């Protein structure tokens, strides 16, 4: 592969199916779609963990959560496990970030040589309540925060404009700089992560549209699964939203996605006007998805497609246009992939990371690929896992109270028919569970995660001290302070 620059754009909490190039006929995403028109769209890309901090740690390290130990939003990435950024810096490349990282601290050696306006976890600690794995408290204020969706301004919208402006300025400066080696610029936005707020013009546009209602969005249609029921309880969404509220939330989310597309367009225009388009590979992705009312769920967290599936679109030198790749891929695959794209050589850490380069998929499909995802955080008394291989996806819950789920995603994209207890699918279920266990021991990993989390809670003075501090709805942007909420607030 010929070495090139890489412009890596990441949004936060972008549901894959709410993108024009993935078939959504309501959303307006012409700039993101243009990357797909010039390049490749991955139809089976997944987050390695459907929550911000662990997903980004896997992205940074090329290792799954059970191998890197960044379990939840209270275990932020600190650079102790080296990743693709470290390797590229060691090879003499500029690797810079603009915007949201959600790492521990920008003073850490985290694989970026320069950080521009970084957003990291609160106080270098993140959310300690994320490590509570029994008698899990309700996230007070979450229901009202979702119900407040609508038009207006937010610190996230303003911050994303600052991120785009900084990226454009960086590209303007880079056009006159003497770079003898390809660079990597990581541009990381906060939206469409809640708050569900959109600029008035975008909100009004979608509020006037017939947005298809959430699949099984009415309370009597919700999936009656113990793990999902507990998630609804903890997130304060076990009381359904009204039809008016549901439509307003959807319109705000769609408007936020539209706004991210606007920001992507500004960055792509700067890339083009500075003469970088022909020698830069452009990547658009997100850290995880968003349920947006499907099955009565909001946010990420689950292993269902709305939450675990992510957009992944790549264009640039040696990447065929209008290509659709079905093979399952993951954010952990970025480690070997980026090293090859930037250097033209294999990663020196290739045998030590979990990720596999996706670059060969541009010339041939790999039907035997598989990926996993794991979750050890908010509202989970025990771990949840997912494995995707071929057309099938298995969801495995540790413990006897939450049954395994098995879906044929290609033929059942909405996950309507659970095949886990279908006698005709018994061999498939056994094969998929064996595939998951080829990566990890679900029960042992669950015990190890909970032991590490218990140690962390103890280091903060114990459960009552952590509960007394409270939690916050969303991470604040640079220059703002977190507003903590307790059960008594």
Protein backbone atom coordinates (compact mmCIF):
# COMPACT_ATOMS: atom_id res chain seq x y z
CA UNK A 1 0.00 0.00 0.00
CA UNK A 2 1.33 3.42 -0.97
CA UNK A 3 1.91 5.64 2.09
CA UNK A 4 -0.43 8.60 2.46
CA UNK A 5 -1.72 11.12 4.96
CA UNK A 6 -4.77 10.07 6.96
CA UNK A 7 -7.61 12.37 7.98
CA UNK A 8 -9.53 10.38 10.59
CA UNK A 9 -12.90 11.87 11.53
CA UNK A 10 -14.83 10.40 14.46
CA UNK A 11 -18.23 11.43 15.72
CA UNK A 12 -19.77 10.28 18.99
CA UNK A 13 -22.81 8.04 19.22
CA UNK A 14 -23.77 8.04 15.53
CA UNK A 15 -26.21 5.24 14.74
CA UNK A 16 -25.06 3.71 11.47
CA UNK A 17 -28.52 3.46 9.93
CA UNK A 18 -29.07 7.21 10.32
CA UNK A 19 -26.76 8.03 7.41
CA UNK A 20 -27.75 8.59 3.81
CA UNK A 21 -25.21 6.20 2.32
CA UNK A 22 -26.51 3.43 4.60
CA UNK A 23 -29.98 3.75 3.12
CA UNK A 24 -31.72 6.34 5.29
CA UNK A 25 -33.86 8.47 2.98
CA UNK A 26 -34.77 11.15 5.54
CA UNK A 27 -31.39 12.20 6.93
CA UNK A 28 -29.27 14.71 4.99
CA UNK A 29 -25.60 13.65 5.11
CA UNK A 30 -24.21 14.65 1.70
CA UNK A 31 -20.66 15.18 2.93
CA UNK A 32 -20.35 11.86 4.72
CA UNK A 33 -22.05 10.22 1.74
CA UNK A 34 -19.47 11.78 -0.59
CA UNK A 35 -16.73 9.83 1.20
CA UNK A 36 -18.66 6.63 0.46
CA UNK A 37 -19.20 7.65 -3.17
CA UNK A 38 -15.44 8.05 -3.59
CA UNK A 39 -14.52 5.03 -1.50
CA UNK A 40 -15.68 2.06 0.56
CA UNK A 41 -18.59 1.61 2.94
CA UNK A 42 -18.36 -1.10 5.59
CA UNK A 43 -21.73 -2.67 6.34
CA UNK A 44 -20.63 -4.79 9.32
CA UNK A 45 -18.44 -2.47 11.38
CA UNK A 46 -18.79 -2.71 15.16
CA UNK A 47 -17.64 -1.00 18.31
CA UNK A 48 -15.45 -3.15 20.57
CA UNK A 49 -17.46 -1.81 23.53
CA UNK A 50 -20.73 0.15 23.34
CA UNK A 51 -19.73 2.93 25.74
CA UNK A 52 -17.38 5.86 25.15
CA UNK A 53 -14.23 5.35 27.24
CA UNK A 54 -13.63 1.62 26.66
CA UNK A 55 -14.43 1.95 22.95
CA UNK A 56 -11.85 4.70 22.56
CA UNK A 57 -9.25 2.76 24.54
CA UNK A 58 -9.71 -0.18 22.17
CA UNK A 59 -9.42 2.19 19.22
CA UNK A 60 -6.17 3.59 20.65
CA UNK A 61 -4.54 0.28 21.54
CA UNK A 62 -5.79 -2.20 18.96
CA UNK A 63 -6.67 -4.50 21.85
CA UNK A 64 -10.06 -5.58 23.11
CA UNK A 65 -11.20 -4.50 26.57
CA UNK A 66 -10.37 -7.82 28.24
CA UNK A 67 -6.77 -7.37 27.02
CA UNK A 68 -6.23 -3.67 27.73
CA UNK A 69 -8.08 -3.39 31.07
CA UNK A 70 -9.95 -0.13 30.39
CA UNK A 71 -13.25 -1.59 31.54
CA UNK A 72 -15.67 1.31 31.84
CA UNK A 73 -16.02 5.09 31.96
CA UNK A 74 -14.03 5.14 35.22
CA UNK A 75 -11.01 3.44 33.62
CA UNK A 76 -9.83 6.02 31.05
CA UNK A 77 -7.00 5.38 28.63
CA UNK A 78 -3.70 6.70 30.02
CA UNK A 79 -1.22 5.55 27.38
CA UNK A 80 0.16 2.73 29.53
CA UNK A 81 -0.82 0.28 26.78
CA UNK A 82 0.91 1.62 23.70
CA UNK A 83 -1.03 1.97 20.48
CA UNK A 84 -0.83 2.91 16.82
CA UNK A 85 -0.13 6.56 17.61
CA UNK A 86 2.96 5.69 19.63
CA UNK A 87 4.27 3.52 16.82
CA UNK A 88 3.76 6.22 14.19
CA UNK A 89 5.42 8.86 16.37
CA UNK A 90 8.36 6.50 16.90
CA UNK A 91 8.62 6.26 13.11
CA UNK A 92 8.80 10.04 12.79
CA UNK A 93 5.24 10.90 11.75
CA UNK A 94 3.12 13.81 12.98
CA UNK A 95 0.06 12.42 14.81
CA UNK A 96 -2.20 15.17 16.15
CA UNK A 97 -5.68 15.26 17.65
CA UNK A 98 -8.37 17.90 17.59
CA UNK A 99 -11.38 17.59 19.88
CA UNK A 100 -12.81 14.81 22.00
CA UNK A 101 -10.50 12.05 23.22
CA UNK A 102 -12.17 10.93 26.46
CA UNK A 103 -8.78 9.75 27.70
CA UNK A 104 -7.40 10.41 31.19
CA UNK A 105 -5.28 13.53 30.70
CA UNK A 106 -3.58 15.26 27.80
CA UNK A 107 -0.33 15.19 29.78
CA UNK A 108 -0.25 11.41 29.34
CA UNK A 109 1.76 9.93 26.49
CA UNK A 110 -1.37 8.73 24.71
CA UNK A 111 -0.17 8.42 21.13
CA UNK A 112 -0.70 12.01 19.98
CA UNK A 113 2.24 14.36 19.59
CA UNK A 114 -0.02 17.41 19.91
CA UNK A 115 -3.52 17.82 21.39
CA UNK A 116 -5.72 20.68 20.19
CA UNK A 117 -8.68 21.68 22.42
CA UNK A 118 -8.94 18.18 23.94
CA UNK A 119 -11.94 16.91 25.87
CA UNK A 120 -10.95 14.24 28.38
CA UNK A 121 -12.77 12.56 31.26
CA UNK A 122 -13.88 14.59 34.27
CA UNK A 123 -11.02 15.23 36.74
CA UNK A 124 -8.95 12.45 35.20
CA UNK A 125 -11.33 9.97 36.84
CA UNK A 126 -14.38 9.84 34.63
CA UNK A 127 -17.52 8.33 36.10
CA UNK A 128 -16.77 6.11 39.15
CA UNK A 129 -20.41 5.01 39.33
CA UNK A 130 -19.75 3.18 36.08
CA UNK A 131 -17.77 0.66 38.16
CA UNK A 132 -20.69 -0.21 40.48
CA UNK A 133 -21.79 -3.69 39.41
CA UNK A 134 -24.36 -4.65 42.04
CA UNK A 135 -27.38 -2.84 43.52
CA UNK A 136 -26.87 -0.40 40.69
CA UNK A 137 -28.39 3.03 41.38
CA UNK A 138 -30.75 4.84 39.04
CA UNK A 139 -29.15 7.54 36.89
CA UNK A 140 -31.16 10.39 38.35
CA UNK A 141 -32.02 13.09 35.84
CA UNK A 142 -31.48 11.01 32.71
CA UNK A 143 -35.19 10.77 31.81
CA UNK A 144 -35.67 14.52 32.05
CA UNK A 145 -32.49 15.19 30.09
CA UNK A 146 -33.76 13.05 27.21
CA UNK A 147 -37.24 14.60 27.36
CA UNK A 148 -35.69 18.07 27.07
CA UNK A 149 -34.73 17.33 23.45
CA UNK A 150 -35.42 20.04 20.96
CA UNK A 151 -34.06 23.03 19.03
CA UNK A 152 -31.47 25.41 20.37
CA UNK A 153 -27.83 25.80 21.23
CA UNK A 154 -25.53 23.60 23.29
CA UNK A 155 -21.93 23.58 24.42
CA UNK A 156 -21.41 20.45 22.29
CA UNK A 157 -22.66 22.14 19.12
CA UNK A 158 -20.40 25.14 19.77
CA UNK A 159 -17.43 22.93 20.63
CA UNK A 160 -17.88 20.96 17.42
CA UNK A 161 -17.76 24.21 15.45
CA UNK A 162 -14.49 25.05 17.24
CA UNK A 163 -13.17 21.59 16.35
CA UNK A 164 -14.01 22.04 12.67
CA UNK A 165 -12.51 25.55 12.62
CA UNK A 166 -9.31 24.29 14.27
CA UNK A 167 -9.07 21.41 11.79
CA UNK A 168 -9.44 23.81 8.86
CA UNK A 169 -6.75 26.07 10.30
CA UNK A 170 -4.48 23.06 10.80
CA UNK A 171 -4.91 22.00 7.19
CA UNK A 172 -4.28 25.55 5.98
CA UNK A 173 -1.01 25.62 7.94
CA UNK A 174 -0.01 22.10 6.90
CA UNK A 175 -0.20 23.08 3.24
CA UNK A 176 2.86 25.31 3.66
CA UNK A 177 4.73 23.16 6.20
CA UNK A 178 7.61 20.93 5.18
CA UNK A 179 6.37 17.44 5.97
CA UNK A 180 8.69 14.80 4.58
CA UNK A 181 6.48 12.02 5.96
CA UNK A 182 2.72 11.48 5.86
CA UNK A 183 0.75 12.79 8.82
CA UNK A 184 -2.34 11.67 10.74
CA UNK A 185 -4.94 14.21 11.86
CA UNK A 186 -7.62 12.87 14.21
CA UNK A 187 -10.67 15.16 14.18
CA UNK A 188 -13.08 14.02 16.88
CA UNK A 189 -16.52 15.60 17.33
CA UNK A 190 -18.89 15.29 20.31
CA UNK A 191 -22.23 15.15 18.52
CA UNK A 192 -24.67 13.53 17.96
CA UNK A 193 -24.02 12.40 21.56
CA UNK A 194 -26.70 13.88 23.85
CA UNK A 195 -27.92 16.39 24.79
CA UNK A 196 -30.45 15.79 22.03
CA UNK A 197 -30.25 19.36 20.77
CA UNK A 198 -30.04 20.61 17.20
CA UNK A 199 -29.82 24.03 15.55
CA UNK A 200 -33.30 25.38 14.99
CA UNK A 201 -33.22 25.15 11.20
CA UNK A 202 -32.18 21.50 11.22
CA UNK A 203 -34.57 20.62 14.04
CA UNK A 204 -37.53 22.28 12.29
CA UNK A 205 -36.73 20.43 9.06
CA UNK A 206 -36.82 17.00 10.69
CA UNK A 207 -39.66 17.82 13.06
CA UNK A 208 -41.77 18.49 9.97
CA UNK A 209 -40.82 15.14 8.43
CA UNK A 210 -42.36 11.72 8.85
CA UNK A 211 -39.50 10.03 10.68
CA UNK A 212 -40.27 6.35 11.04
CA UNK A 213 -41.09 5.61 14.66
CA UNK A 214 -38.69 3.53 16.74
CA UNK A 215 -38.92 -0.21 16.12
CA UNK A 216 -40.93 -1.77 18.98
CA UNK A 217 -40.92 1.64 20.59
CA UNK A 218 -44.23 1.33 22.45
CA UNK A 219 -44.10 -0.07 25.97
CA UNK A 220 -46.17 -3.16 25.14
CA UNK A 221 -43.72 -3.95 22.31
CA UNK A 222 -40.49 -3.69 24.31
CA UNK A 223 -38.18 -6.70 24.41
CA UNK A 224 -38.80 -8.45 27.72
CA UNK A 225 -35.21 -9.40 28.41
CA UNK A 226 -33.78 -9.15 31.95
CA UNK A 227 -30.63 -7.30 30.90
CA UNK A 228 -32.59 -4.76 28.86
CA UNK A 229 -35.20 -4.34 31.59
CA UNK A 230 -32.44 -3.54 34.09
CA UNK A 231 -30.89 -1.07 31.66
CA UNK A 232 -34.20 0.76 31.29
CA UNK A 233 -34.57 0.94 35.07
CA UNK A 234 -31.08 2.31 35.70
CA UNK A 235 -31.37 4.86 32.88
CA UNK A 236 -34.79 6.07 34.09
CA UNK A 237 -36.41 5.14 30.79
CA UNK A 238 -38.72 2.40 32.06
CA UNK A 239 -41.52 4.96 31.82
CA UNK A 240 -42.26 5.46 28.10
CA UNK A 241 -42.04 8.81 26.39
CA UNK A 242 -45.12 10.20 24.67
CA UNK A 243 -45.43 10.09 20.88
CA UNK A 244 -44.79 13.84 20.77
CA UNK A 245 -41.68 13.49 22.92
CA UNK A 246 -40.43 10.55 20.87
CA UNK A 247 -40.78 12.47 17.62
CA UNK A 248 -39.08 15.52 19.13
CA UNK A 249 -36.15 13.42 20.39
CA UNK A 250 -35.75 11.82 16.96
CA UNK A 251 -35.91 15.19 15.18
CA UNK A 252 -33.25 16.60 17.50
CA UNK A 253 -30.98 13.59 16.99
CA UNK A 254 -31.40 13.71 13.21
CA UNK A 255 -30.67 17.43 13.29
CA UNK A 256 -27.52 16.82 15.32
CA UNK A 257 -26.33 14.23 12.78
CA UNK A 258 -27.06 16.75 10.02
CA UNK A 259 -24.95 19.31 11.88
CA UNK A 260 -22.03 16.88 12.15
CA UNK A 261 -22.28 16.40 8.40
CA UNK A 262 -22.03 20.19 8.00
CA UNK A 263 -18.84 20.19 10.08
CA UNK A 264 -17.43 17.25 8.08
CA UNK A 265 -18.10 19.22 4.91
CA UNK A 266 -16.11 22.18 6.21
CA UNK A 267 -13.12 19.96 6.99
CA UNK A 268 -13.30 18.17 3.62
CA UNK A 269 -13.41 21.53 1.82
CA UNK A 270 -10.26 22.63 3.67
CA UNK A 271 -8.56 19.35 2.75
CA UNK A 272 -9.39 19.93 -0.90
CA UNK A 273 -8.47 23.61 -1.13
CA UNK A 274 -5.07 22.87 0.39
CA UNK A 275 -4.27 20.23 -2.19
CA UNK A 276 -4.39 17.20 0.11
CA UNK A 277 -7.27 15.28 -1.45
CA UNK A 278 -5.14 13.20 -3.81
CA UNK A 279 -2.65 12.02 -1.19
CA UNK A 280 -4.88 11.62 1.87
CA UNK A 281 -7.06 8.74 2.93
CA UNK A 282 -10.21 9.99 4.64
CA UNK A 283 -11.95 7.88 7.28
CA UNK A 284 -15.31 8.59 8.90
CA UNK A 285 -16.50 6.51 11.84
CA UNK A 286 -18.03 6.72 15.33
CA UNK A 287 -17.20 5.20 18.71
CA UNK A 288 -20.58 3.42 19.05
CA UNK A 289 -24.20 3.79 18.02
CA UNK A 290 -27.47 5.06 19.54
CA UNK A 291 -30.70 3.15 20.20
CA UNK A 292 -32.95 6.22 19.78
CA UNK A 293 -36.08 4.63 21.18
CA UNK A 294 -35.78 1.21 19.57
CA UNK A 295 -37.26 -1.33 22.02
CA UNK A 296 -37.75 1.54 24.47
CA UNK A 297 -34.01 2.16 24.76
CA UNK A 298 -32.02 5.38 24.50
CA UNK A 299 -28.26 5.79 24.47
CA UNK A 300 -25.75 3.07 23.67
CA UNK A 301 -24.77 0.21 26.05
CA UNK A 302 -26.42 -2.79 24.34
CA UNK A 303 -25.14 -5.37 21.86
CA UNK A 304 -28.11 -4.83 19.55
CA UNK A 305 -27.38 -3.34 16.13
CA UNK A 306 -28.57 0.19 16.92
CA UNK A 307 -25.97 0.48 19.68
CA UNK A 308 -23.12 -1.84 18.65
CA UNK A 309 -22.99 -1.19 14.91
CA UNK A 310 -21.03 1.85 13.71
CA UNK A 311 -20.54 3.67 10.41
CA UNK A 312 -17.17 3.16 8.77
CA UNK A 313 -16.41 4.82 5.45
CA UNK A 314 -12.98 5.21 3.84
CA UNK A 315 -11.81 6.93 0.66
CA UNK A 316 -8.47 7.85 -0.85
CA UNK A 317 -5.58 6.40 -2.83
CA UNK A 318 -5.99 2.75 -3.86
CA UNK A 319 -9.50 2.50 -2.43
CA UNK A 320 -12.15 1.64 -5.05
CA UNK A 321 -15.13 4.00 -5.31
CA UNK A 322 -18.66 2.96 -4.38
CA UNK A 323 -17.42 -0.24 -2.77
CA UNK A 324 -19.52 -2.08 -0.17
CA UNK A 325 -17.66 -4.42 2.18
CA UNK A 326 -19.67 -6.99 4.12
CA UNK A 327 -16.89 -8.53 6.23
CA UNK A 328 -17.12 -7.74 9.97
CA UNK A 329 -14.58 -5.19 11.20
CA UNK A 330 -13.93 -3.32 14.45
CA UNK A 331 -12.26 -0.21 15.85
CA UNK A 332 -9.47 -2.49 17.13
CA UNK A 333 -8.56 -3.05 13.47
CA UNK A 334 -7.40 0.55 13.17
CA UNK A 335 -3.98 -0.24 14.68
CA UNK A 336 -2.54 -2.36 11.84
CA UNK A 337 -4.69 -0.58 9.25
CA UNK A 338 -3.39 2.91 10.00
CA UNK A 339 0.23 1.79 10.24
CA UNK A 340 -0.03 0.32 6.73
CA UNK A 341 -1.85 3.35 5.33
CA UNK A 342 0.68 5.84 6.67
CA UNK A 343 3.95 3.90 6.30
CA UNK A 344 3.21 1.35 3.60
CA UNK A 345 4.59 -1.29 5.97
CA UNK A 346 3.18 -3.73 8.50
CA UNK A 347 2.92 -2.76 12.15
CA UNK A 348 5.79 -3.91 14.33
CA UNK A 349 3.12 -4.81 16.91
CA UNK A 350 0.94 -6.79 14.52
CA UNK A 351 1.31 -10.07 16.40
CA UNK A 352 0.59 -8.40 19.76
CA UNK A 353 -2.66 -6.61 18.97
CA UNK A 354 -6.12 -8.06 18.43
CA UNK A 355 -6.90 -5.97 15.38
CA UNK A 356 -6.41 -7.17 11.83
CA UNK A 357 -5.71 -4.87 8.92
CA UNK A 358 -8.80 -4.12 6.87
CA UNK A 359 -6.75 -2.97 3.88
CA UNK A 360 -6.85 -6.41 2.16
CA UNK A 361 -10.65 -6.12 2.12
CA UNK A 362 -10.41 -3.42 -0.53
CA UNK A 363 -9.36 -6.11 -3.02
CA UNK A 364 -10.96 -9.29 -1.65
CA UNK A 365 -13.62 -10.24 0.89
CA UNK A 366 -12.67 -12.34 3.93
CA UNK A 367 -15.64 -14.49 4.89
CA UNK A 368 -13.88 -16.02 7.89
CA UNK A 369 -13.36 -12.77 9.77
CA UNK A 370 -15.07 -12.30 13.11
CA UNK A 371 -15.21 -9.50 15.68
CA UNK A 372 -16.37 -9.27 19.26
CA UNK A 373 -17.66 -6.58 21.57
CA UNK A 374 -17.81 -6.60 25.37
CA UNK A 375 -19.52 -4.52 28.03
CA UNK A 376 -18.66 -4.24 31.73
CA UNK A 377 -20.25 -0.93 32.68
CA UNK A 378 -23.43 1.01 33.52
CA UNK A 379 -26.46 -1.14 34.42
CA UNK A 380 -24.73 -4.50 33.89
CA UNK A 381 -24.61 -6.75 36.94
CA UNK A 382 -22.53 -9.13 34.83
CA UNK A 383 -20.73 -8.84 31.52
CA UNK A 384 -22.39 -8.77 28.10
CA UNK A 385 -20.58 -9.98 24.99
CA UNK A 386 -21.22 -10.11 21.26
CA UNK A 387 -19.56 -12.01 18.44
CA UNK A 388 -20.29 -11.42 14.76
CA UNK A 389 -19.17 -13.88 12.10
CA UNK A 390 -20.62 -14.27 8.64
CA UNK A 391 -24.32 -13.57 8.71
CA UNK A 392 -24.78 -14.45 12.40
CA UNK A 393 -24.46 -12.53 15.64
CA UNK A 394 -24.54 -14.07 19.09
CA UNK A 395 -25.10 -12.04 22.28
CA UNK A 396 -23.88 -13.73 25.44
CA UNK A 397 -24.82 -12.59 28.95
CA UNK A 398 -22.88 -13.95 31.92
CA UNK A 399 -25.20 -15.44 34.55
CA UNK A 400 -28.37 -17.48 34.39
CA UNK A 401 -30.87 -14.63 34.52
CA UNK A 402 -30.33 -13.29 30.98
CA UNK A 403 -30.65 -15.74 28.08
CA UNK A 404 -28.32 -15.85 25.08
CA UNK A 405 -29.58 -14.26 21.86
CA UNK A 406 -28.76 -15.35 18.29
CA UNK A 407 -29.66 -13.44 15.14
CA UNK A 408 -29.19 -13.89 11.39
CA UNK A 409 -28.31 -10.26 10.70
CA UNK A 410 -28.24 -10.40 6.91
CA UNK A 411 -31.76 -11.82 6.76
CA UNK A 412 -33.07 -10.23 9.96
CA UNK A 413 -31.40 -6.79 10.29
CA UNK A 414 -33.95 -5.60 12.87
CA UNK A 415 -33.19 -8.60 15.10
CA UNK A 416 -36.84 -9.63 15.25
CA UNK A 417 -36.34 -13.40 15.42
CA UNK A 418 -34.13 -14.80 18.17
CA UNK A 419 -32.78 -18.15 16.98
CA UNK A 420 -31.00 -19.07 20.22
CA UNK A 421 -33.57 -21.71 21.20
CA UNK A 422 -34.46 -22.82 17.68
CA UNK A 423 -33.50 -26.52 17.36
CA UNK A 424 -32.61 -25.96 13.72
CA UNK A 425 -30.02 -23.37 14.81
CA UNK A 426 -28.42 -25.42 17.60
CA UNK A 427 -25.24 -26.07 15.63
CA UNK A 428 -24.96 -22.41 14.68
CA UNK A 429 -25.38 -21.36 18.30
CA UNK A 430 -22.66 -23.79 19.39
CA UNK A 431 -20.34 -22.61 16.63
CA UNK A 432 -20.85 -18.95 17.52
CA UNK A 433 -20.34 -19.54 21.24
CA UNK A 434 -17.12 -21.42 20.44
CA UNK A 435 -16.01 -18.46 18.33
CA UNK A 436 -16.59 -16.10 21.26
CA UNK A 437 -14.65 -18.39 23.59
CA UNK A 438 -11.75 -18.44 21.14
CA UNK A 439 -11.25 -14.79 22.11
CA UNK A 440 -11.90 -14.96 25.86
CA UNK A 441 -13.40 -16.84 28.76
CA UNK A 442 -16.61 -14.87 29.42
CA UNK A 443 -16.92 -15.86 33.07
CA UNK A 444 -13.24 -15.36 33.94
CA UNK A 445 -13.18 -11.99 32.20
CA UNK A 446 -16.31 -10.93 34.08
CA UNK A 447 -14.69 -11.83 37.42
CA UNK A 448 -11.49 -9.99 36.53
CA UNK A 449 -13.34 -6.84 35.47
CA UNK A 450 -15.44 -6.78 38.64
CA UNK A 451 -12.36 -7.31 40.81
CA UNK A 452 -10.59 -4.35 39.19
CA UNK A 453 -13.72 -2.23 39.54
CA UNK A 454 -14.12 -3.14 43.21
CA UNK A 455 -10.53 -2.03 43.83
CA UNK A 456 -11.24 1.26 42.11
CA UNK A 457 -14.37 1.89 44.18
CA UNK A 458 -12.41 1.11 47.35
CA UNK A 459 -9.70 3.59 46.33
CA UNK A 460 -12.36 6.33 46.21
CA UNK A 461 -13.55 5.55 49.75
CA UNK A 462 -16.09 2.86 48.97
CA UNK A 463 -19.57 2.64 47.54
CA UNK A 464 -21.20 5.28 49.74
CA UNK A 465 -18.50 7.83 48.96
CA UNK A 466 -18.93 7.24 45.24
CA UNK A 467 -22.71 7.53 45.49
CA UNK A 468 -22.35 10.67 47.60
CA UNK A 469 -20.31 12.36 44.90
CA UNK A 470 -23.04 11.66 42.38
CA UNK A 471 -22.71 11.44 38.64
CA UNK A 472 -23.14 13.73 35.66
CA UNK A 473 -25.26 13.48 32.54
CA UNK A 474 -22.61 14.41 29.95
CA UNK A 475 -18.89 15.19 30.04
CA UNK A 476 -18.29 18.96 29.95
CA UNK A 477 -16.41 20.64 27.12
CA UNK A 478 -13.04 22.29 27.81
CA UNK A 479 -13.45 25.27 30.14
CA UNK A 480 -16.66 23.99 31.73
CA UNK A 481 -17.18 22.07 34.96
CA UNK A 482 -19.26 18.94 35.39
CA UNK A 483 -22.61 19.27 37.15
CA UNK A 484 -23.03 16.33 39.51
CA UNK A 485 -26.41 14.82 40.32
CA UNK A 486 -27.20 12.53 43.27
CA UNK A 487 -30.23 10.35 43.96
CA UNK A 488 -31.48 13.00 46.39
CA UNK A 489 -31.14 15.89 43.92
